[in-house]
Protein backbone atom coordinates (compact mmCIF):
# COMPACT_ATOMS: atom_id res chain seq x y z
CA MET A 1 2.06 -77.80 6.52
CA PHE A 2 4.89 -74.87 6.97
CA HIS A 3 5.57 -72.85 10.46
CA ILE A 4 6.36 -69.58 10.10
CA VAL A 5 8.35 -67.77 12.93
CA LEU A 6 8.62 -64.49 14.32
CA VAL A 7 11.19 -63.92 16.91
CA THR A 8 10.80 -60.74 19.23
CA PRO A 9 8.74 -58.82 15.97
CA GLU A 10 8.37 -55.37 16.18
CA ILE A 11 6.15 -54.34 13.53
CA PRO A 12 2.39 -55.04 13.53
CA HIS A 13 2.27 -54.76 9.56
CA ASN A 14 4.42 -57.71 9.56
CA ALA A 15 3.31 -59.67 11.16
CA GLY A 16 -0.32 -59.58 9.91
CA ALA A 17 1.16 -59.76 6.71
CA ALA A 18 2.97 -63.31 7.97
CA GLY A 19 -0.79 -64.19 9.19
CA ARG A 20 -2.03 -63.87 5.84
CA LEU A 21 0.74 -66.45 4.49
CA ALA A 22 0.02 -68.91 6.90
CA LEU A 23 -3.60 -69.03 5.94
CA ALA A 24 -3.00 -68.79 1.85
CA THR A 25 -0.34 -71.29 1.97
CA GLY A 26 -1.75 -74.06 5.40
CA ALA A 27 1.25 -72.67 7.99
CA THR A 28 0.42 -71.95 12.06
CA LEU A 29 1.94 -68.28 12.60
CA HIS A 30 4.33 -68.45 15.75
CA LEU A 31 5.02 -64.96 17.34
CA VAL A 32 8.01 -65.26 20.21
CA ARG A 33 7.92 -62.33 23.17
CA PRO A 34 8.59 -60.58 23.47
CA LEU A 35 6.71 -58.58 21.06
CA GLY A 36 7.02 -54.65 19.44
CA PHE A 37 3.57 -54.72 18.98
CA SER A 38 0.14 -55.26 20.52
CA LEU A 39 -2.15 -58.05 18.51
CA ASP A 40 -5.08 -56.10 18.76
CA ASP A 41 -3.03 -52.98 17.56
CA LYS A 42 -5.45 -51.30 14.18
CA TYR A 43 -2.45 -52.41 12.34
CA VAL A 44 -2.48 -56.03 12.87
CA LYS A 45 -5.32 -56.21 11.40
CA ARG A 46 -5.42 -53.84 9.24
CA THR A 47 -3.29 -56.16 7.11
CA GLY A 48 -4.36 -59.52 8.41
CA LEU A 49 -7.71 -58.00 7.04
CA ASP A 50 -10.66 -59.88 7.72
CA TYR A 51 -8.74 -63.08 7.84
CA TRP A 52 -6.38 -62.89 11.12
CA SER A 53 -9.89 -64.39 13.44
CA ARG A 54 -8.46 -67.07 11.44
CA VAL A 55 -5.01 -67.76 11.54
CA ASP A 56 -3.31 -70.64 13.55
CA LEU A 57 -1.96 -67.72 15.55
CA ARG A 58 0.37 -69.59 18.61
CA LEU A 59 2.20 -66.73 20.62
CA TRP A 60 5.58 -67.70 23.02
CA ASP A 61 7.20 -66.53 26.02
CA SER A 62 10.37 -67.90 24.64
CA PHE A 63 11.76 -69.47 21.43
CA GLU A 64 13.29 -72.73 24.08
CA ASP A 65 9.36 -73.19 25.14
CA LEU A 66 8.61 -73.46 20.87
CA THR A 67 11.13 -76.43 21.23
CA ALA A 68 10.10 -77.59 23.25
CA ALA A 69 6.55 -78.29 22.28
CA ALA A 70 7.39 -79.06 18.91
CA GLU A 71 7.54 -82.45 17.35
CA PRO A 72 10.88 -84.56 17.59
CA ALA A 73 11.23 -84.71 13.95
CA ALA A 74 10.59 -80.96 13.01
CA GLY A 75 13.28 -78.79 11.12
CA PHE A 76 14.08 -75.88 11.88
CA TRP A 77 16.04 -73.43 8.97
CA PHE A 78 17.11 -69.46 10.34
CA LEU A 79 16.97 -67.18 7.98
CA SER A 80 19.91 -64.58 8.45
CA THR A 81 21.63 -62.16 5.86
CA LYS A 82 24.68 -63.61 7.86
CA ALA A 83 23.90 -67.17 6.71
CA GLN A 84 26.10 -68.12 3.13
CA ARG A 85 23.38 -70.97 2.23
CA SER A 86 19.61 -69.53 0.13
CA PRO A 87 17.17 -71.27 0.88
CA TRP A 88 16.85 -72.61 -3.14
CA GLN A 89 20.15 -75.20 -1.30
CA ALA A 90 17.66 -76.20 1.32
CA ALA A 91 15.20 -79.18 1.61
CA PHE A 92 13.00 -78.59 2.75
CA GLN A 93 9.77 -81.09 4.31
CA ALA A 94 6.38 -80.98 5.76
CA GLY A 95 6.30 -79.40 8.55
CA ASP A 96 9.46 -77.98 9.24
CA TYR A 97 9.75 -73.97 11.26
CA LEU A 98 11.29 -71.26 9.15
CA VAL A 99 12.94 -68.77 11.88
CA PHE A 100 12.84 -65.29 11.50
CA GLY A 101 14.70 -62.51 13.61
CA CYS A 102 12.49 -58.77 14.31
CA GLU A 103 13.52 -56.33 12.31
CA THR A 104 16.13 -54.75 13.42
CA ARG A 105 18.76 -57.01 14.08
CA GLY A 106 17.37 -59.71 13.18
CA LEU A 107 18.16 -63.44 15.22
CA PRO A 108 20.33 -63.77 18.53
CA GLU A 109 24.04 -64.59 17.08
CA PRO A 110 24.21 -67.24 19.69
CA MET A 111 21.25 -68.61 17.81
CA LEU A 112 23.02 -68.53 14.70
CA ALA A 113 26.05 -69.94 16.31
CA ALA A 114 24.45 -73.04 17.79
CA ALA A 115 22.31 -73.70 14.05
CA ALA A 116 24.80 -72.68 11.30
CA GLU A 117 24.54 -76.03 8.74
CA ARG A 118 20.43 -75.16 9.22
CA ALA A 119 21.35 -70.72 8.75
CA LEU A 120 19.77 -69.53 5.07
CA CYS A 121 20.39 -65.96 3.66
CA ILE A 122 18.31 -65.07 0.69
CA PRO A 123 20.52 -64.10 -2.38
CA MET A 124 19.82 -60.24 -3.30
CA LEU A 125 22.37 -58.03 -5.95
CA PRO A 126 25.94 -57.14 -3.39
CA GLY A 127 25.27 -53.49 -2.06
CA ALA A 128 21.94 -53.19 -3.54
CA THR A 129 20.45 -52.99 0.45
CA ARG A 130 21.25 -54.58 3.74
CA SER A 131 18.26 -57.04 3.84
CA LEU A 132 14.56 -57.31 2.63
CA ASN A 133 11.41 -56.80 4.93
CA LEU A 134 10.22 -59.55 7.05
CA ALA A 135 7.24 -59.70 5.26
CA THR A 136 9.23 -60.42 2.18
CA SER A 137 11.59 -62.92 3.40
CA VAL A 138 8.79 -64.50 5.03
CA ALA A 139 7.31 -64.61 1.74
CA ILE A 140 9.96 -65.91 -0.63
CA VAL A 141 11.05 -68.49 2.02
CA LEU A 142 7.83 -70.46 2.55
CA TYR A 143 6.84 -70.13 -1.09
CA GLU A 144 10.24 -72.05 -1.86
CA ALA A 145 8.99 -74.77 0.65
CA VAL A 146 6.02 -75.18 -0.27
CA ARG A 147 6.98 -75.67 -3.81
CA GLN A 148 9.06 -78.18 -2.74
CA GLN A 149 6.08 -80.27 -1.56
CA GLY A 150 5.30 -80.38 -5.12
CA VAL A 151 1.74 -78.72 -3.91
CA GLU A 152 -0.51 -77.49 -6.56
CA TRP A 153 -3.35 -75.58 -5.64
């Protein structure tokens, strides 16, 4: 239904948790290299539990490779603490890609600048924290996108 994209993720627990979220919602998990861990890492498998082998996982050498392979009509949404719009203001469509940056740096500035109208930020109490955990952010945005589709399992 949706595509979760982690661009250069660094922490195996987050990839494992994103994999479980993908499986729970019928989404595809895309990991864009370089990864800060091995997919054989025990922490990825521990967080993904016995579900990891069932995750629809795709690996990419670059974000450009991923976009070249995407359906032409697919929408891309870029999550960043620097964006102005919230996910509640977005109109998600089935097949969209939800793009998240690495834990310590977020998405590259050129990527955000090129897609400013498709950039989203999860609302937070001002001054409370810089950002949310990557897997938590994926869950918030993914389930908002699923909710908008009227899915009831």
